[in-house]
Structures are given as C-alpha cells and as structure tokens.
C-alpha cells in the first residue's frame, strides 16, 4: 500500500483480465464523479493536491494507469485504444455507469477525446489541461519524447530524483502545494518504473496522430467543456506554445459549450505550478453538469 495523501483513500480494483489497478478516491455527495487522467509518465499522485480540493465539493477518482505506481503492467501494447479500454473497464468494475466529468492533463487529453468519441453518453463534462494536440507532436517531437523518458529513466536508476524534479519543474511548484504532497507527486513519477512505462506509451504517439486528428476534427460532445492552456513561453516553446494555444482556442470556439482559459504564469505543468485555475475550472464544469442533469 502507498500513502495516497491526506484525506484520500487508496483502493485496488481488478479488471476483467485480473490486472490490478490502483485507484485513489475522495469526496462524496450528489452529482457526477470527477475522473482525473494524468499525462505520460505521471501517476495518480500528480493530482493529489487538486483532487483533495475538488473532493470538498464532489466525488473524485484518480488512478495509476497500467504500469505506473501500484498498478500492474499491461502485457498488451499501450495504445490510446488500450488505455481507454482500461479506463472504461475500471469505471465498469466500480459500478460507475453514470456520466462523469473527465479531467485530463497532457496525454490525458487524447485519452479523454477518444473516450468521449466512443462513449459520449458517459461524459457529463470535460476539462482539458494543456492537453496534447496533433499540432504539438510533429514526428521529431514525438521521437524526442521517447528519448527524454529514456534519459530520465537512467537518471532515476543512478539516484537522480532531485534532478528529475528540477528538470520537470524548472520554475518550482506552487507554494500552495504542501511538501508532503510534493513527496507523493514525485514518489511514483521520478522513478525508473514510471519512465519505462512512459516509453511504452510514447512508442504509440506517431501511430496515434491520425486518430488524434480525427478526434480534434470531430469535436467534443455537447457538454460543459473548459480547456486550460499554459501561457508562459518556456525555452524551445516559442513556436509551439502560440500554435497550441491558438489551436485550443479554435477547438473550444467550435465546441457547443466550450471555452479556453490561458493561465499566463504557467507552463505545461499547470496543476503543479498554478493549481487554483485547475480546481476552479473543474468545479465550474461540475456545477454546470449538475444543472444540466
């Protein structure tokens, strides 16, 4: 068992093929369940601060995707389809068949889009947090992602956890996030296991691009949707960042109930750098979903 954080509860759920998936739950009350989907290389612990805050107003669920943290590895290829299959199976195993609010950071964005495309009836609302877009993943960038996970995995093996943290959060984390929560965030992230699993997922970025393009072109279901984008232009992002934010704006303009929010002082890791806008966006979507019921 791993400490999930104060006021959060760890539960192990078995999928139909008997793989164990580690989940973290908190909160209660009426209304839709909020499901957190992390980015590539990130475990459930990346949401610890935001999940606790949202859980004061709603039921919440985060989880370690297969191979991360306390979840069993998957013998199958970790494609977008396979990841969505796992998430649907997890919700079914928990008896969560009602529409949920999906929150996805980075690679979690395409996962949300594919689930919403396949099961629109199971989606009550969407919150994209600097979600991966086709425009942000040209072939060269996709290959670089896999290499970066290889390098960080090597660092983790030689005791470079502190360096991984510094590389991932060069501007530091928000002072609103407690030191204990930062420890939990890094525990299952800055390790060889997470980077090995991330490389397995990264192998399918290029083959996923046609699906991602189709999903972006198809748009989102007519549910409350907020897209949070980082506004800070970090090194190497002078071209990609404006393109990502412009594309996100276009996607939300086409969404029936969508809007985009630029978090000017944040880069890619908005939940760790500026958690308040993430919490506020989720609660706004939850409330809108409750009213729509």
C-alpha atoms as a PDB file:
ATOM      1  CA  UNK A   1       0.000   0.000   0.000  1.00  0.00           C
ATOM      2  CA  UNK A   2       1.170   3.545  -0.799  1.00  0.00           C
ATOM      3  CA  UNK A   3       0.227   6.710   1.045  1.00  0.00           C
ATOM      4  CA  UNK A   4      -2.282   8.469  -1.269  1.00  0.00           C
ATOM      5  CA  UNK A   5      -2.183  11.730   0.686  1.00  0.00           C
ATOM      6  CA  UNK A   6      -4.207  13.271   3.487  1.00  0.00           C
ATOM      7  CA  UNK A   7      -7.981  12.674   3.257  1.00  0.00           C
ATOM      8  CA  UNK A   8      -7.540  10.472   0.183  1.00  0.00           C
ATOM      9  CA  UNK A   9      -8.163   6.716   0.146  1.00  0.00           C
ATOM     10  CA  UNK A  10      -6.334   4.052  -1.878  1.00  0.00           C
ATOM     11  CA  UNK A  11      -8.324   1.164  -3.345  1.00  0.00           C
ATOM     12  CA  UNK A  12      -7.179  -1.690  -5.589  1.00  0.00           C
ATOM     13  CA  UNK A  13      -9.590  -2.679  -8.360  1.00  0.00           C
ATOM     14  CA  UNK A  14      -9.283  -5.747 -10.569  1.00  0.00           C
ATOM     15  CA  UNK A  15     -10.027  -5.518 -14.281  1.00  0.00           C
ATOM     16  CA  UNK A  16     -11.739  -8.410 -16.128  1.00  0.00           C
ATOM     17  CA  UNK A  17      -8.324  -9.868 -17.084  1.00  0.00           C
ATOM     18  CA  UNK A  18      -7.380  -9.832 -13.360  1.00  0.00           C
ATOM     19  CA  UNK A  19      -4.868  -6.977 -13.625  1.00  0.00           C
ATOM     20  CA  UNK A  20      -4.826  -4.820 -10.508  1.00  0.00           C
ATOM     21  CA  UNK A  21      -5.344  -1.076 -10.898  1.00  0.00           C
ATOM     22  CA  UNK A  22      -4.546   1.272  -8.018  1.00  0.00           C
ATOM     23  CA  UNK A  23      -7.179   3.967  -7.561  1.00  0.00           C
ATOM     24  CA  UNK A  24      -7.403   6.950  -5.224  1.00  0.00           C
ATOM     25  CA  UNK A  25     -10.847   8.152  -4.164  1.00  0.00           C
ATOM     26  CA  UNK A  26     -12.181  11.030  -2.087  1.00  0.00           C
ATOM     27  CA  UNK A  27     -15.283  13.146  -1.646  1.00  0.00           C
ATOM     28  CA  UNK A  28     -18.995  12.489  -1.652  1.00  0.00           C
ATOM     29  CA  UNK A  29     -22.396  13.929  -2.416  1.00  0.00           C
ATOM     30  CA  UNK A  30     -24.667  14.095  -5.419  1.00  0.00           C
ATOM     31  CA  UNK A  31     -23.586  14.893  -8.937  1.00  0.00           C
ATOM     32  CA  UNK A  32     -21.095  13.432 -11.382  1.00  0.00           C
ATOM     33  CA  UNK A  33     -17.913  11.643 -10.418  1.00  0.00           C
ATOM     34  CA  UNK A  34     -14.762  13.583 -11.364  1.00  0.00           C
ATOM     35  CA  UNK A  35     -12.195  11.324 -13.028  1.00  0.00           C
ATOM     36  CA  UNK A  36      -8.574  12.517 -13.252  1.00  0.00           C
ATOM     37  CA  UNK A  37      -6.393  11.300 -16.135  1.00  0.00           C
ATOM     38  CA  UNK A  38      -2.684  12.036 -15.832  1.00  0.00           C
ATOM     39  CA  UNK A  39      -0.131  12.718 -18.527  1.00  0.00           C
ATOM     40  CA  UNK A  40       2.521  10.375 -19.887  1.00  0.00           C
ATOM     41  CA  UNK A  41       4.914   9.273 -17.104  1.00  0.00           C
ATOM     42  CA  UNK A  42       2.596  10.653 -14.406  1.00  0.00           C
ATOM     43  CA  UNK A  43       0.808   8.578 -11.732  1.00  0.00           C
ATOM     44  CA  UNK A  44      -2.333   9.307  -9.730  1.00  0.00           C
ATOM     45  CA  UNK A  45      -0.164  11.208  -7.258  1.00  0.00           C
ATOM     46  CA  UNK A  46       0.285  14.050  -9.750  1.00  0.00           C
ATOM     47  CA  UNK A  47      -3.298  15.075  -8.869  1.00  0.00           C
ATOM     48  CA  UNK A  48      -3.023  14.781  -5.082  1.00  0.00           C
ATOM     49  CA  UNK A  49      -3.433  18.499  -4.290  1.00  0.00           C
ATOM     50  CA  UNK A  50      -6.168  19.218  -6.840  1.00  0.00           C
ATOM     51  CA  UNK A  51      -8.076  16.023  -6.092  1.00  0.00           C
ATOM     52  CA  UNK A  52      -8.246  16.871  -2.399  1.00  0.00           C
ATOM     53  CA  UNK A  53      -9.579  20.367  -3.125  1.00  0.00           C
ATOM     54  CA  UNK A  54     -12.164  19.156  -5.647  1.00  0.00           C
ATOM     55  CA  UNK A  55     -13.199  16.372  -3.253  1.00  0.00           C
ATOM     56  CA  UNK A  56     -14.555  19.001  -0.881  1.00  0.00           C
ATOM     57  CA  UNK A  57     -17.368  19.501  -3.403  1.00  0.00           C
ATOM     58  CA  UNK A  58     -17.652  16.265  -5.427  1.00  0.00           C
ATOM     59  CA  UNK A  59     -16.778  12.590  -5.613  1.00  0.00           C
ATOM     60  CA  UNK A  60     -13.375  12.075  -7.215  1.00  0.00           C
ATOM     61  CA  UNK A  61     -11.284   9.288  -8.689  1.00  0.00           C
ATOM     62  CA  UNK A  62      -7.673   9.260  -9.845  1.00  0.00           C
ATOM     63  CA  UNK A  63      -5.747   6.145 -10.780  1.00  0.00           C
ATOM     64  CA  UNK A  64      -2.387   4.790 -11.822  1.00  0.00           C
ATOM     65  CA  UNK A  65      -2.581   3.677 -15.429  1.00  0.00           C
ATOM     66  CA  UNK A  66      -1.250   0.163 -16.034  1.00  0.00           C
ATOM     67  CA  UNK A  67       2.451   0.009 -15.189  1.00  0.00           C
ATOM     68  CA  UNK A  68       2.522   3.149 -13.036  1.00  0.00           C
ATOM     69  CA  UNK A  69       2.671   3.285  -9.250  1.00  0.00           C
ATOM     70  CA  UNK A  70       0.679   0.468  -7.701  1.00  0.00           C
ATOM     71  CA  UNK A  71      -0.956  -0.797 -10.909  1.00  0.00           C
ATOM     72  CA  UNK A  72       0.072  -3.991 -12.664  1.00  0.00           C
ATOM     73  CA  UNK A  73       1.857  -3.658 -16.010  1.00  0.00           C
ATOM     74  CA  UNK A  74      -0.079  -4.486 -19.166  1.00  0.00           C
ATOM     75  CA  UNK A  75       1.223  -7.265 -21.439  1.00  0.00           C
ATOM     76  CA  UNK A  76      -0.536  -5.599 -24.391  1.00  0.00           C
ATOM     77  CA  UNK A  77       0.691  -2.558 -26.318  1.00  0.00           C
ATOM     78  CA  UNK A  78      -0.184   0.695 -24.553  1.00  0.00           C
ATOM     79  CA  UNK A  79      -2.068   2.317 -27.408  1.00  0.00           C
ATOM     80  CA  UNK A  80      -4.702   5.018 -26.953  1.00  0.00           C
ATOM     81  CA  UNK A  81      -7.403   2.436 -27.603  1.00  0.00           C
ATOM     82  CA  UNK A  82      -5.968   0.097 -24.982  1.00  0.00           C
ATOM     83  CA  UNK A  83      -5.730   2.884 -22.401  1.00  0.00           C
ATOM     84  CA  UNK A  84      -9.353   3.884 -22.994  1.00  0.00           C
ATOM     85  CA  UNK A  85     -10.415   0.230 -22.798  1.00  0.00           C
ATOM     86  CA  UNK A  86      -8.780   0.071 -19.366  1.00  0.00           C
ATOM     87  CA  UNK A  87     -10.470   3.231 -18.150  1.00  0.00           C
ATOM     88  CA  UNK A  88     -13.911   2.060 -19.279  1.00  0.00           C
ATOM     89  CA  UNK A  89     -13.308  -1.338 -17.661  1.00  0.00           C
ATOM     90  CA  UNK A  90     -12.225   0.398 -14.449  1.00  0.00           C
ATOM     91  CA  UNK A  91     -15.372   2.522 -14.315  1.00  0.00           C
ATOM     92  CA  UNK A  92     -17.498  -0.550 -15.020  1.00  0.00           C
ATOM     93  CA  UNK A  93     -15.746  -2.507 -12.249  1.00  0.00           C
ATOM     94  CA  UNK A  94     -16.540   0.344  -9.852  1.00  0.00           C
ATOM     95  CA  UNK A  95     -20.176   0.427 -10.971  1.00  0.00           C
ATOM     96  CA  UNK A  96     -19.733   3.971 -12.300  1.00  0.00           C
ATOM     97  CA  UNK A  97     -22.018   3.810 -15.327  1.00  0.00           C
ATOM     98  CA  UNK A  98     -23.483   7.331 -14.988  1.00  0.00           C
ATOM     99  CA  UNK A  99     -21.880  10.207 -16.944  1.00  0.00           C
ATOM    100  CA  UNK A 100     -18.650  11.510 -15.389  1.00  0.00           C
ATOM    101  CA  UNK A 101     -16.619  14.701 -15.588  1.00  0.00           C
ATOM    102  CA  UNK A 102     -13.270  13.871 -17.194  1.00  0.00           C
ATOM    103  CA  UNK A 103     -10.139  15.880 -16.389  1.00  0.00           C
ATOM    104  CA  UNK A 104      -7.062  15.200 -18.500  1.00  0.00           C
ATOM    105  CA  UNK A 105      -3.586  16.703 -18.448  1.00  0.00           C
ATOM    106  CA  UNK A 106      -1.170  16.410 -21.398  1.00  0.00           C
ATOM    107  CA  UNK A 107      -1.505  12.880 -22.898  1.00  0.00           C
ATOM    108  CA  UNK A 108      -4.664  12.607 -20.830  1.00  0.00           C
ATOM    109  CA  UNK A 109      -6.283  14.949 -23.372  1.00  0.00           C
ATOM    110  CA  UNK A 110      -6.295  12.479 -26.287  1.00  0.00           C
ATOM    111  CA  UNK A 111      -7.467   9.779 -23.858  1.00  0.00           C
ATOM    112  CA  UNK A 112     -10.451  11.955 -22.909  1.00  0.00           C
ATOM    113  CA  UNK A 113     -11.238  12.735 -26.531  1.00  0.00           C
ATOM    114  CA  UNK A 114     -11.213   9.077 -27.535  1.00  0.00           C
ATOM    115  CA  UNK A 115     -13.395   8.018 -24.604  1.00  0.00           C
ATOM    116  CA  UNK A 116     -15.849  10.838 -25.368  1.00  0.00           C
ATOM    117  CA  UNK A 117     -15.909   9.793 -29.027  1.00  0.00           C
ATOM    118  CA  UNK A 118     -16.581   6.149 -28.224  1.00  0.00           C
ATOM    119  CA  UNK A 119     -18.912   6.695 -25.263  1.00  0.00           C
ATOM    120  CA  UNK A 120     -20.452  10.198 -25.421  1.00  0.00           C
ATOM    121  CA  UNK A 121     -23.288   9.032 -23.167  1.00  0.00           C
ATOM    122  CA  UNK A 122     -20.782   8.502 -20.343  1.00  0.00           C
ATOM    123  CA  UNK A 123     -19.436  12.077 -20.399  1.00  0.00           C
ATOM    124  CA  UNK A 124     -21.013  14.849 -18.302  1.00  0.00           C
ATOM    125  CA  UNK A 125     -18.226  17.388 -18.783  1.00  0.00           C
ATOM    126  CA  UNK A 126     -14.634  17.820 -19.916  1.00  0.00           C
ATOM    127  CA  UNK A 127     -11.626  19.724 -18.591  1.00  0.00           C
ATOM    128  CA  UNK A 128      -8.523  19.691 -20.785  1.00  0.00           C
ATOM    129  CA  UNK A 129      -5.341  20.819 -19.007  1.00  0.00           C
ATOM    130  CA  UNK A 130      -2.645  21.757 -21.539  1.00  0.00           C
ATOM    131  CA  UNK A 131      -3.742  18.679 -23.442  1.00  0.00           C
ATOM    132  CA  UNK A 132      -1.591  17.124 -26.161  1.00  0.00           C
ATOM    133  CA  UNK A 133      -2.683  18.186 -29.654  1.00  0.00           C
ATOM    134  CA  UNK A 134      -1.645  16.962 -33.083  1.00  0.00           C
ATOM    135  CA  UNK A 135      -0.054  20.373 -33.660  1.00  0.00           C
ATOM    136  CA  UNK A 136       2.253  19.875 -30.664  1.00  0.00           C
ATOM    137  CA  UNK A 137       3.522  16.485 -31.821  1.00  0.00           C
ATOM    138  CA  UNK A 138       5.377  16.633 -35.141  1.00  0.00           C
ATOM    139  CA  UNK A 139       7.420  13.491 -35.817  1.00  0.00           C
ATOM    140  CA  UNK A 140      10.624  14.994 -34.426  1.00  0.00           C
ATOM    141  CA  UNK A 141       8.901  15.973 -31.165  1.00  0.00           C
ATOM    142  CA  UNK A 142       7.273  12.563 -30.798  1.00  0.00           C
ATOM    143  CA  UNK A 143      10.650  10.854 -31.072  1.00  0.00           C
ATOM    144  CA  UNK A 144      12.188  13.344 -28.627  1.00  0.00           C
ATOM    145  CA  UNK A 145       9.550  12.484 -26.017  1.00  0.00           C
ATOM    146  CA  UNK A 146      10.545   8.814 -26.029  1.00  0.00           C
ATOM    147  CA  UNK A 147      14.231   9.748 -25.742  1.00  0.00           C
ATOM    148  CA  UNK A 148      13.522  12.078 -22.808  1.00  0.00           C
ATOM    149  CA  UNK A 149      11.879   9.240 -20.880  1.00  0.00           C
ATOM    150  CA  UNK A 150      14.899   7.045 -21.572  1.00  0.00           C
ATOM    151  CA  UNK A 151      17.228   9.711 -20.178  1.00  0.00           C
ATOM    152  CA  UNK A 152      15.086  10.334 -17.087  1.00  0.00           C
ATOM    153  CA  UNK A 153      14.832   6.597 -16.500  1.00  0.00           C
ATOM    154  CA  UNK A 154      18.618   6.400 -16.477  1.00  0.00           C
ATOM    155  CA  UNK A 155      18.755   9.341 -14.063  1.00  0.00           C
ATOM    156  CA  UNK A 156      16.283   7.612 -11.750  1.00  0.00           C
ATOM    157  CA  UNK A 157      18.443   4.480 -11.680  1.00  0.00           C
ATOM    158  CA  UNK A 158      21.513   6.432 -10.555  1.00  0.00           C
ATOM    159  CA  UNK A 159      19.765   8.412  -7.832  1.00  0.00           C
ATOM    160  CA  UNK A 160      18.925  11.497  -9.865  1.00  0.00           C
ATOM    161  CA  UNK A 161      15.431  12.003  -8.438  1.00  0.00           C
ATOM    162  CA  UNK A 162      16.216  15.572  -7.448  1.00  0.00           C
ATOM    163  CA  UNK A 163      17.455  16.383 -10.940  1.00  0.00           C
ATOM    164  CA  UNK A 164      14.315  14.879 -12.478  1.00  0.00           C
ATOM    165  CA  UNK A 165      12.231  17.144 -10.239  1.00  0.00           C
ATOM    166  CA  UNK A 166      14.279  20.193 -11.243  1.00  0.00           C
ATOM    167  CA  UNK A 167      14.003  19.379 -14.956  1.00  0.00           C
ATOM    168  CA  UNK A 168      10.261  18.749 -14.703  1.00  0.00           C
ATOM    169  CA  UNK A 169       9.536  21.835 -12.594  1.00  0.00           C
ATOM    170  CA  UNK A 170      12.267  24.348 -13.507  1.00  0.00           C
ATOM    171  CA  UNK A 171      10.170  27.195 -12.085  1.00  0.00           C
ATOM    172  CA  UNK A 172       9.250  25.206  -8.990  1.00  0.00           C
ATOM    173  CA  UNK A 173       5.851  24.133  -7.710  1.00  0.00           C
ATOM    174  CA  UNK A 174       3.207  26.446  -6.302  1.00  0.00           C
ATOM    175  CA  UNK A 175       3.706  27.311  -2.646  1.00  0.00           C
ATOM    176  CA  UNK A 176       0.090  26.215  -2.144  1.00  0.00           C
ATOM    177  CA  UNK A 177       1.165  22.599  -2.590  1.00  0.00           C
ATOM    178  CA  UNK A 178       2.343  21.091   0.697  1.00  0.00           C
ATOM    179  CA  UNK A 179       5.764  19.478   0.930  1.00  0.00           C
ATOM    180  CA  UNK A 180       4.093  16.170   1.812  1.00  0.00           C
ATOM    181  CA  UNK A 181       2.069  16.329  -1.399  1.00  0.00           C
ATOM    182  CA  UNK A 182       5.183  17.074  -3.443  1.00  0.00           C
ATOM    183  CA  UNK A 183       6.788  13.954  -1.990  1.00  0.00           C
ATOM    184  CA  UNK A 184       3.776  11.904  -3.104  1.00  0.00           C
ATOM    185  CA  UNK A 185       3.809  13.518  -6.551  1.00  0.00           C
ATOM    186  CA  UNK A 186       7.453  12.641  -7.087  1.00  0.00           C
ATOM    187  CA  UNK A 187       7.429   9.204  -5.436  1.00  0.00           C
ATOM    188  CA  UNK A 188       5.800   7.348  -8.336  1.00  0.00           C
ATOM    189  CA  UNK A 189       6.977   9.780 -11.042  1.00  0.00           C
ATOM    190  CA  UNK A 190      10.722  10.230 -10.563  1.00  0.00           C
ATOM    191  CA  UNK A 191      11.439   6.523 -10.801  1.00  0.00           C
ATOM    192  CA  UNK A 192      12.600   4.023 -13.403  1.00  0.00           C
ATOM    193  CA  UNK A 193       9.230   2.226 -13.404  1.00  0.00           C
ATOM    194  CA  UNK A 194       7.309   5.337 -14.461  1.00  0.00           C
ATOM    195  CA  UNK A 195       9.786   6.242 -17.183  1.00  0.00           C
ATOM    196  CA  UNK A 196       9.806   2.688 -18.523  1.00  0.00           C
ATOM    197  CA  UNK A 197       6.011   2.704 -18.725  1.00  0.00           C
ATOM    198  CA  UNK A 198       6.027   6.157 -20.315  1.00  0.00           C
ATOM    199  CA  UNK A 199       8.364   4.889 -23.028  1.00  0.00           C
ATOM    200  CA  UNK A 200       5.882   2.087 -23.767  1.00  0.00           C
ATOM    201  CA  UNK A 201       3.139   4.686 -24.226  1.00  0.00           C
ATOM    202  CA  UNK A 202       5.388   7.046 -26.195  1.00  0.00           C
ATOM    203  CA  UNK A 203       6.074   4.354 -28.786  1.00  0.00           C
ATOM    204  CA  UNK A 204       2.494   4.834 -29.985  1.00  0.00           C
ATOM    205  CA  UNK A 205       2.435   8.621 -30.312  1.00  0.00           C
ATOM    206  CA  UNK A 206       3.159   8.631 -34.045  1.00  0.00           C
ATOM    207  CA  UNK A 207       0.636   5.895 -34.831  1.00  0.00           C
ATOM    208  CA  UNK A 208      -1.943   7.778 -32.740  1.00  0.00           C
ATOM    209  CA  UNK A 209      -1.692  11.028 -34.701  1.00  0.00           C
ATOM    210  CA  UNK A 210      -4.325  10.118 -37.343  1.00  0.00           C
ATOM    211  CA  UNK A 211      -6.772   9.197 -34.574  1.00  0.00           C
ATOM    212  CA  UNK A 212      -5.985  12.407 -32.715  1.00  0.00           C
ATOM    213  CA  UNK A 213      -6.579  14.445 -35.878  1.00  0.00           C
ATOM    214  CA  UNK A 214      -9.922  12.714 -36.447  1.00  0.00           C
ATOM    215  CA  UNK A 215     -10.956  13.353 -32.853  1.00  0.00           C
ATOM    216  CA  UNK A 216      -9.985  17.029 -32.993  1.00  0.00           C
ATOM    217  CA  UNK A 217     -11.862  17.448 -36.274  1.00  0.00           C
ATOM    218  CA  UNK A 218     -14.921  15.674 -34.852  1.00  0.00           C
ATOM    219  CA  UNK A 219     -15.037  17.962 -31.821  1.00  0.00           C
ATOM    220  CA  UNK A 220     -16.364  17.269 -28.337  1.00  0.00           C
ATOM    221  CA  UNK A 221     -19.817  16.196 -27.140  1.00  0.00           C
ATOM    222  CA  UNK A 222     -22.304  18.974 -26.266  1.00  0.00           C
ATOM    223  CA  UNK A 223     -21.286  19.065 -22.600  1.00  0.00           C
ATOM    224  CA  UNK A 224     -19.651  21.794 -20.468  1.00  0.00           C
ATOM    225  CA  UNK A 225     -16.011  21.950 -21.559  1.00  0.00           C
ATOM    226  CA  UNK A 226     -13.078  24.090 -20.407  1.00  0.00           C
ATOM    227  CA  UNK A 227      -9.596  23.981 -21.913  1.00  0.00           C
ATOM    228  CA  UNK A 228      -6.783  25.356 -19.732  1.00  0.00           C
ATOM    229  CA  UNK A 229      -3.588  26.346 -21.544  1.00  0.00           C
ATOM    230  CA  UNK A 230      -0.216  27.444 -20.208  1.00  0.00           C
ATOM    231  CA  UNK A 231       0.679  30.988 -21.186  1.00  0.00           C
ATOM    232  CA  UNK A 232       4.353  31.111 -20.298  1.00  0.00           C
ATOM    233  CA  UNK A 233       6.686  30.519 -23.228  1.00  0.00           C
ATOM    234  CA  UNK A 234       9.447  28.292 -21.949  1.00  0.00           C
ATOM    235  CA  UNK A 235      12.678  27.546 -23.772  1.00  0.00           C
ATOM    236  CA  UNK A 236      12.035  25.708 -27.012  1.00  0.00           C
ATOM    237  CA  UNK A 237       8.337  26.664 -26.985  1.00  0.00           C
ATOM    238  CA  UNK A 238       8.477  29.960 -28.906  1.00  0.00           C
ATOM    239  CA  UNK A 239       6.730  28.434 -31.910  1.00  0.00           C
ATOM    240  CA  UNK A 240       4.799  25.520 -30.385  1.00  0.00           C
ATOM    241  CA  UNK A 241       3.207  27.367 -27.448  1.00  0.00           C
ATOM    242  CA  UNK A 242       1.381  30.032 -29.536  1.00  0.00           C
ATOM    243  CA  UNK A 243       0.334  27.324 -32.008  1.00  0.00           C
ATOM    244  CA  UNK A 244      -1.028  25.094 -29.234  1.00  0.00           C
ATOM    245  CA  UNK A 245      -2.955  27.922 -27.622  1.00  0.00           C
ATOM    246  CA  UNK A 246      -4.348  29.153 -30.924  1.00  0.00           C
ATOM    247  CA  UNK A 247      -5.446  25.627 -31.847  1.00  0.00           C
ATOM    248  CA  UNK A 248      -7.025  25.100 -28.429  1.00  0.00           C
ATOM    249  CA  UNK A 249      -8.943  28.344 -28.873  1.00  0.00           C
ATOM    250  CA  UNK A 250     -10.230  27.213 -32.263  1.00  0.00           C
ATOM    251  CA  UNK A 251     -11.301  23.848 -30.857  1.00  0.00           C
ATOM    252  CA  UNK A 252     -13.171  25.451 -27.980  1.00  0.00           C
ATOM    253  CA  UNK A 253     -14.810  28.016 -30.269  1.00  0.00           C
ATOM    254  CA  UNK A 254     -16.229  25.073 -32.227  1.00  0.00           C
ATOM    255  CA  UNK A 255     -17.340  23.199 -29.097  1.00  0.00           C
ATOM    256  CA  UNK A 256     -21.030  23.647 -28.231  1.00  0.00           C
ATOM    257  CA  UNK A 257     -20.265  24.602 -24.604  1.00  0.00           C
ATOM    258  CA  UNK A 258     -16.521  25.160 -24.735  1.00  0.00           C
ATOM    259  CA  UNK A 259     -14.181  27.923 -23.683  1.00  0.00           C
ATOM    260  CA  UNK A 260     -10.446  28.307 -23.311  1.00  0.00           C
ATOM    261  CA  UNK A 261      -8.584  29.809 -20.334  1.00  0.00           C
ATOM    262  CA  UNK A 262      -4.942  30.872 -20.661  1.00  0.00           C
ATOM    263  CA  UNK A 263      -3.035  30.559 -17.379  1.00  0.00           C
ATOM    264  CA  UNK A 264      -0.445  33.188 -18.178  1.00  0.00           C
ATOM    265  CA  UNK A 265       2.033  32.415 -15.404  1.00  0.00           C
ATOM    266  CA  UNK A 266       2.118  28.645 -16.019  1.00  0.00           C
ATOM    267  CA  UNK A 267       3.913  26.387 -18.440  1.00  0.00           C
ATOM    268  CA  UNK A 268       2.906  22.815 -19.232  1.00  0.00           C
ATOM    269  CA  UNK A 269       2.553  21.579 -15.643  1.00  0.00           C
ATOM    270  CA  UNK A 270      -0.367  23.818 -14.711  1.00  0.00           C
ATOM    271  CA  UNK A 271      -1.669  21.537 -11.896  1.00  0.00           C
ATOM    272  CA  UNK A 272       1.659  21.786 -10.088  1.00  0.00           C
ATOM    273  CA  UNK A 273       2.509  25.413 -10.929  1.00  0.00           C
ATOM    274  CA  UNK A 274      -0.912  27.104 -10.684  1.00  0.00           C
ATOM    275  CA  UNK A 275      -3.418  24.682  -9.149  1.00  0.00           C
ATOM    276  CA  UNK A 276      -6.190  27.215  -8.406  1.00  0.00           C
ATOM    277  CA  UNK A 277      -7.336  27.702 -12.039  1.00  0.00           C
ATOM    278  CA  UNK A 278      -7.459  23.912 -12.449  1.00  0.00           C
ATOM    279  CA  UNK A 279      -9.637  23.491  -9.370  1.00  0.00           C
ATOM    280  CA  UNK A 280     -11.890  26.371 -10.401  1.00  0.00           C
ATOM    281  CA  UNK A 281     -12.373  25.032 -13.932  1.00  0.00           C
ATOM    282  CA  UNK A 282     -13.273  21.565 -12.647  1.00  0.00           C
ATOM    283  CA  UNK A 283     -15.787  22.901 -10.145  1.00  0.00           C
ATOM    284  CA  UNK A 284     -17.334  25.141 -12.815  1.00  0.00           C
ATOM    285  CA  UNK A 285     -17.822  22.156 -15.107  1.00  0.00           C
ATOM    286  CA  UNK A 286     -19.159  20.003 -12.261  1.00  0.00           C
ATOM    287  CA  UNK A 287     -21.731  22.642 -11.347  1.00  0.00           C
ATOM    288  CA  UNK A 288     -22.771  23.099 -14.973  1.00  0.00           C
ATOM    289  CA  UNK A 289     -23.141  19.327 -15.311  1.00  0.00           C
ATOM    290  CA  UNK A 290     -25.299  19.194 -12.185  1.00  0.00           C
ATOM    291  CA  UNK A 291     -27.591  21.903 -13.527  1.00  0.00           C
ATOM    292  CA  UNK A 292     -27.869  20.098 -16.878  1.00  0.00           C
ATOM    293  CA  UNK A 293     -28.993  16.816 -15.285  1.00  0.00           C
END
